[in-house]
Amino acid sequence: MKQAIVAYVGGRITSKGGDAMETFQALQLMFLFGMFILALTFIRKMK
């Protein structure tokens, strides 16, 4: 799944010539999603 997202973002960068803001937003979303998953797993371990 992560590889698919990276490939998708990478494809967007090369095809558009690198719309920096859009790329940054995509990376931010991926980061937030990752943090959300980490938080969920952490909470489950605590219970």
PDB file of N, CA and C in Angstrom:
ATOM      1  N   MET A   1       0.838  -1.202   0.000  1.00  0.00           N
ATOM      2  CA  MET A   1       0.000   0.000   0.000  1.00  0.00           C
ATOM      3  C   MET A   1       0.872   1.251   0.000  1.00  0.00           C
ATOM      4  N   LYS A   2       1.871   1.258   0.878  1.00  0.00           N
ATOM      5  CA  LYS A   2       2.760   2.424   0.971  1.00  0.00           C
ATOM      6  C   LYS A   2       3.498   2.640  -0.343  1.00  0.00           C
ATOM      7  N   GLN A   3       3.937   1.527  -0.964  1.00  0.00           N
ATOM      8  CA  GLN A   3       4.650   1.632  -2.247  1.00  0.00           C
ATOM      9  C   GLN A   3       3.741   2.228  -3.313  1.00  0.00           C
ATOM     10  N   ALA A   4       2.465   1.852  -3.291  1.00  0.00           N
ATOM     11  CA  ALA A   4       1.513   2.376  -4.272  1.00  0.00           C
ATOM     12  C   ALA A   4       1.357   3.883  -4.105  1.00  0.00           C
ATOM     13  N   ILE A   5       1.278   4.346  -2.853  1.00  0.00           N
ATOM     14  CA  ILE A   5       1.145   5.778  -2.579  1.00  0.00           C
ATOM     15  C   ILE A   5       2.389   6.518  -3.046  1.00  0.00           C
ATOM     16  N   VAL A   6       3.563   5.974  -2.729  1.00  0.00           N
ATOM     17  CA  VAL A   6       4.820   6.608  -3.133  1.00  0.00           C
ATOM     18  C   VAL A   6       4.913   6.676  -4.650  1.00  0.00           C
ATOM     19  N   ALA A   7       4.534   5.581  -5.322  1.00  0.00           N
ATOM     20  CA  ALA A   7       4.574   5.546  -6.785  1.00  0.00           C
ATOM     21  C   ALA A   7       3.603   6.570  -7.359  1.00  0.00           C
ATOM     22  N   TYR A   8       2.435   6.686  -6.730  1.00  0.00           N
ATOM     23  CA  TYR A   8       1.428   7.645  -7.183  1.00  0.00           C
ATOM     24  C   TYR A   8       1.947   9.071  -7.057  1.00  0.00           C
ATOM     25  N   VAL A   9       2.488   9.398  -5.889  1.00  0.00           N
ATOM     26  CA  VAL A   9       3.029  10.740  -5.658  1.00  0.00           C
ATOM     27  C   VAL A   9       4.204  11.000  -6.594  1.00  0.00           C
ATOM     28  N   GLY A  10       5.085  10.012  -6.735  1.00  0.00           N
ATOM     29  CA  GLY A  10       6.234  10.152  -7.628  1.00  0.00           C
ATOM     30  C   GLY A  10       5.797  10.375  -9.060  1.00  0.00           C
ATOM     31  N   GLY A  11       4.753   9.648  -9.479  1.00  0.00           N
ATOM     32  CA  GLY A  11       4.232   9.819 -10.828  1.00  0.00           C
ATOM     33  C   GLY A  11       3.671  11.212 -11.031  1.00  0.00           C
ATOM     34  N   ARG A  12       2.995  11.727 -10.010  1.00  0.00           N
ATOM     35  CA  ARG A  12       2.424  13.075 -10.091  1.00  0.00           C
ATOM     36  C   ARG A  12       3.535  14.109 -10.250  1.00  0.00           C
ATOM     37  N   ILE A  13       4.626  13.922  -9.506  1.00  0.00           N
ATOM     38  CA  ILE A  13       5.739  14.876  -9.552  1.00  0.00           C
ATOM     39  C   ILE A  13       6.337  14.914 -10.954  1.00  0.00           C
ATOM     40  N   THR A  14       6.611  13.749 -11.532  1.00  0.00           N
ATOM     41  CA  THR A  14       7.282  13.706 -12.829  1.00  0.00           C
ATOM     42  C   THR A  14       6.359  14.168 -13.947  1.00  0.00           C
ATOM     43  N   SER A  15       5.080  13.805 -13.873  1.00  0.00           N
ATOM     44  CA  SER A  15       4.167  14.124 -14.969  1.00  0.00           C
ATOM     45  C   SER A  15       3.831  15.617 -15.000  1.00  0.00           C
ATOM     46  N   LYS A  16       3.751  16.239 -13.831  1.00  0.00           N
ATOM     47  CA  LYS A  16       3.367  17.654 -13.777  1.00  0.00           C
ATOM     48  C   LYS A  16       4.576  18.582 -13.738  1.00  0.00           C
ATOM     49  N   GLY A  17       5.766  18.012 -13.701  1.00  0.00           N
ATOM     50  CA  GLY A  17       6.942  18.859 -13.589  1.00  0.00           C
ATOM     51  C   GLY A  17       7.132  19.352 -12.166  1.00  0.00           C
ATOM     52  N   GLY A  18       6.443  18.727 -11.221  1.00  0.00           N
ATOM     53  CA  GLY A  18       6.670  19.032  -9.812  1.00  0.00           C
ATOM     54  C   GLY A  18       5.913  20.231  -9.299  1.00  0.00           C
ATOM     55  N   ASP A  19       4.595  20.084  -9.149  1.00  0.00           N
ATOM     56  CA  ASP A  19       3.808  21.120  -8.477  1.00  0.00           C
ATOM     57  C   ASP A  19       4.123  20.997  -6.985  1.00  0.00           C
ATOM     58  N   ALA A  20       5.030  21.840  -6.522  1.00  0.00           N
ATOM     59  CA  ALA A  20       5.617  21.676  -5.186  1.00  0.00           C
ATOM     60  C   ALA A  20       4.553  21.690  -4.090  1.00  0.00           C
ATOM     61  N   MET A  21       3.594  22.600  -4.193  1.00  0.00           N
ATOM     62  CA  MET A  21       2.588  22.737  -3.134  1.00  0.00           C
ATOM     63  C   MET A  21       1.731  21.476  -3.050  1.00  0.00           C
ATOM     64  N   GLU A  22       1.330  20.961  -4.204  1.00  0.00           N
ATOM     65  CA  GLU A  22       0.488  19.765  -4.222  1.00  0.00           C
ATOM     66  C   GLU A  22       1.244  18.568  -3.655  1.00  0.00           C
ATOM     67  N   THR A  23       2.517  18.462  -4.012  1.00  0.00           N
ATOM     68  CA  THR A  23       3.356  17.378  -3.506  1.00  0.00           C
ATOM     69  C   THR A  23       3.475  17.478  -1.991  1.00  0.00           C
ATOM     70  N   PHE A  24       3.690  18.691  -1.497  1.00  0.00           N
ATOM     71  CA  PHE A  24       3.823  18.915  -0.061  1.00  0.00           C
ATOM     72  C   PHE A  24       2.547  18.509   0.663  1.00  0.00           C
ATOM     73  N   GLN A  25       1.398  18.864   0.107  1.00  0.00           N
ATOM     74  CA  GLN A  25       0.119  18.510   0.727  1.00  0.00           C
ATOM     75  C   GLN A  25      -0.068  16.999   0.762  1.00  0.00           C
ATOM     76  N   ALA A  26       0.338  16.321  -0.323  1.00  0.00           N
ATOM     77  CA  ALA A  26       0.216  14.863  -0.374  1.00  0.00           C
ATOM     78  C   ALA A  26       1.092  14.223   0.700  1.00  0.00           C
ATOM     79  N   LEU A  27       2.314  14.734   0.846  1.00  0.00           N
ATOM     80  CA  LEU A  27       3.221  14.210   1.865  1.00  0.00           C
ATOM     81  C   LEU A  27       2.670  14.469   3.260  1.00  0.00           C
ATOM     82  N   GLN A  28       2.078  15.644   3.465  1.00  0.00           N
ATOM     83  CA  GLN A  28       1.484  15.980   4.757  1.00  0.00           C
ATOM     84  C   GLN A  28       0.353  15.008   5.091  1.00  0.00           C
ATOM     85  N   LEU A  29      -0.490  14.724   4.100  1.00  0.00           N
ATOM     86  CA  LEU A  29      -1.599  13.797   4.317  1.00  0.00           C
ATOM     87  C   LEU A  29      -1.084  12.412   4.677  1.00  0.00           C
ATOM     88  N   MET A  30      -0.057  11.951   3.958  1.00  0.00           N
ATOM     89  CA  MET A  30       0.528  10.646   4.247  1.00  0.00           C
ATOM     90  C   MET A  30       1.094  10.611   5.662  1.00  0.00           C
ATOM     91  N   PHE A  31       1.756  11.698   6.069  1.00  0.00           N
ATOM     92  CA  PHE A  31       2.345  11.782   7.400  1.00  0.00           C
ATOM     93  C   PHE A  31       1.256  11.727   8.473  1.00  0.00           C
ATOM     94  N   LEU A  32       0.191  12.512   8.290  1.00  0.00           N
ATOM     95  CA  LEU A  32      -0.906  12.539   9.255  1.00  0.00           C
ATOM     96  C   LEU A  32      -1.564  11.165   9.358  1.00  0.00           C
ATOM     97  N   PHE A  33      -1.747  10.512   8.200  1.00  0.00           N
ATOM     98  CA  PHE A  33      -2.356   9.187   8.171  1.00  0.00           C
ATOM     99  C   PHE A  33      -1.492   8.182   8.934  1.00  0.00           C
ATOM    100  N   GLY A  34      -0.187   8.260   8.722  1.00  0.00           N
ATOM    101  CA  GLY A  34       0.740   7.380   9.417  1.00  0.00           C
ATOM    102  C   GLY A  34       0.707   7.594  10.923  1.00  0.00           C
ATOM    103  N   MET A  35       0.671   8.851  11.339  1.00  0.00           N
ATOM    104  CA  MET A  35       0.614   9.171  12.767  1.00  0.00           C
ATOM    105  C   MET A  35      -0.682   8.653  13.380  1.00  0.00           C
ATOM    106  N   PHE A  36      -1.774   8.759  12.623  1.00  0.00           N
ATOM    107  CA  PHE A  36      -3.078   8.285  13.084  1.00  0.00           C
ATOM    108  C   PHE A  36      -3.042   6.780  13.338  1.00  0.00           C
ATOM    109  N   ILE A  37      -2.443   6.036  12.404  1.00  0.00           N
ATOM    110  CA  ILE A  37      -2.337   4.582  12.543  1.00  0.00           C
ATOM    111  C   ILE A  37      -1.459   4.227  13.742  1.00  0.00           C
ATOM    112  N   LEU A  38      -0.334   4.946  13.895  1.00  0.00           N
ATOM    113  CA  LEU A  38       0.549   4.694  15.033  1.00  0.00           C
ATOM    114  C   LEU A  38      -0.182   4.942  16.351  1.00  0.00           C
ATOM    115  N   ALA A  39      -0.948   6.023  16.411  1.00  0.00           N
ATOM    116  CA  ALA A  39      -1.705   6.347  17.622  1.00  0.00           C
ATOM    117  C   ALA A  39      -2.716   5.246  17.925  1.00  0.00           C
ATOM    118  N   LEU A  40      -3.401   4.767  16.907  1.00  0.00           N
ATOM    119  CA  LEU A  40      -4.396   3.711  17.107  1.00  0.00           C
ATOM    120  C   LEU A  40      -3.753   2.444  17.656  1.00  0.00           C
ATOM    121  N   THR A  41      -2.636   2.027  17.072  1.00  0.00           N
ATOM    122  CA  THR A  41      -1.973   0.808  17.533  1.00  0.00           C
ATOM    123  C   THR A  41      -1.459   0.991  18.959  1.00  0.00           C
ATOM    124  N   PHE A  42      -0.961   2.181  19.267  1.00  0.00           N
ATOM    125  CA  PHE A  42      -0.453   2.463  20.606  1.00  0.00           C
ATOM    126  C   PHE A  42      -1.573   2.369  21.635  1.00  0.00           C
ATOM    127  N   ILE A  43      -2.731   2.951  21.319  1.00  0.00           N
ATOM    128  CA  ILE A  43      -3.879   2.927  22.230  1.00  0.00           C
ATOM    129  C   ILE A  43      -4.341   1.484  22.452  1.00  0.00           C
ATOM    130  N   ARG A  44      -4.344   0.686  21.386  1.00  0.00           N
ATOM    131  CA  ARG A  44      -4.773  -0.706  21.515  1.00  0.00           C
ATOM    132  C   ARG A  44      -3.830  -1.489  22.416  1.00  0.00           C
ATOM    133  N   LYS A  45      -2.528  -1.204  22.332  1.00  0.00           N
ATOM    134  CA  LYS A  45      -1.559  -1.901  23.172  1.00  0.00           C
ATOM    135  C   LYS A  45      -1.721  -1.505  24.635  1.00  0.00           C
ATOM    136  N   MET A  46      -2.109  -0.267  24.893  1.00  0.00           N
ATOM    137  CA  MET A  46      -2.250   0.225  26.260  1.00  0.00           C
ATOM    138  C   MET A  46      -3.423  -0.437  26.975  1.00  0.00           C
ATOM    139  N   LYS A  47      -4.480  -0.763  26.246  1.00  0.00           N
ATOM    140  CA  LYS A  47      -5.668  -1.333  26.885  1.00  0.00           C
ATOM    141  C   LYS A  47      -5.424  -2.760  27.368  1.00  0.00           C
TER     142      LYS A  47
END
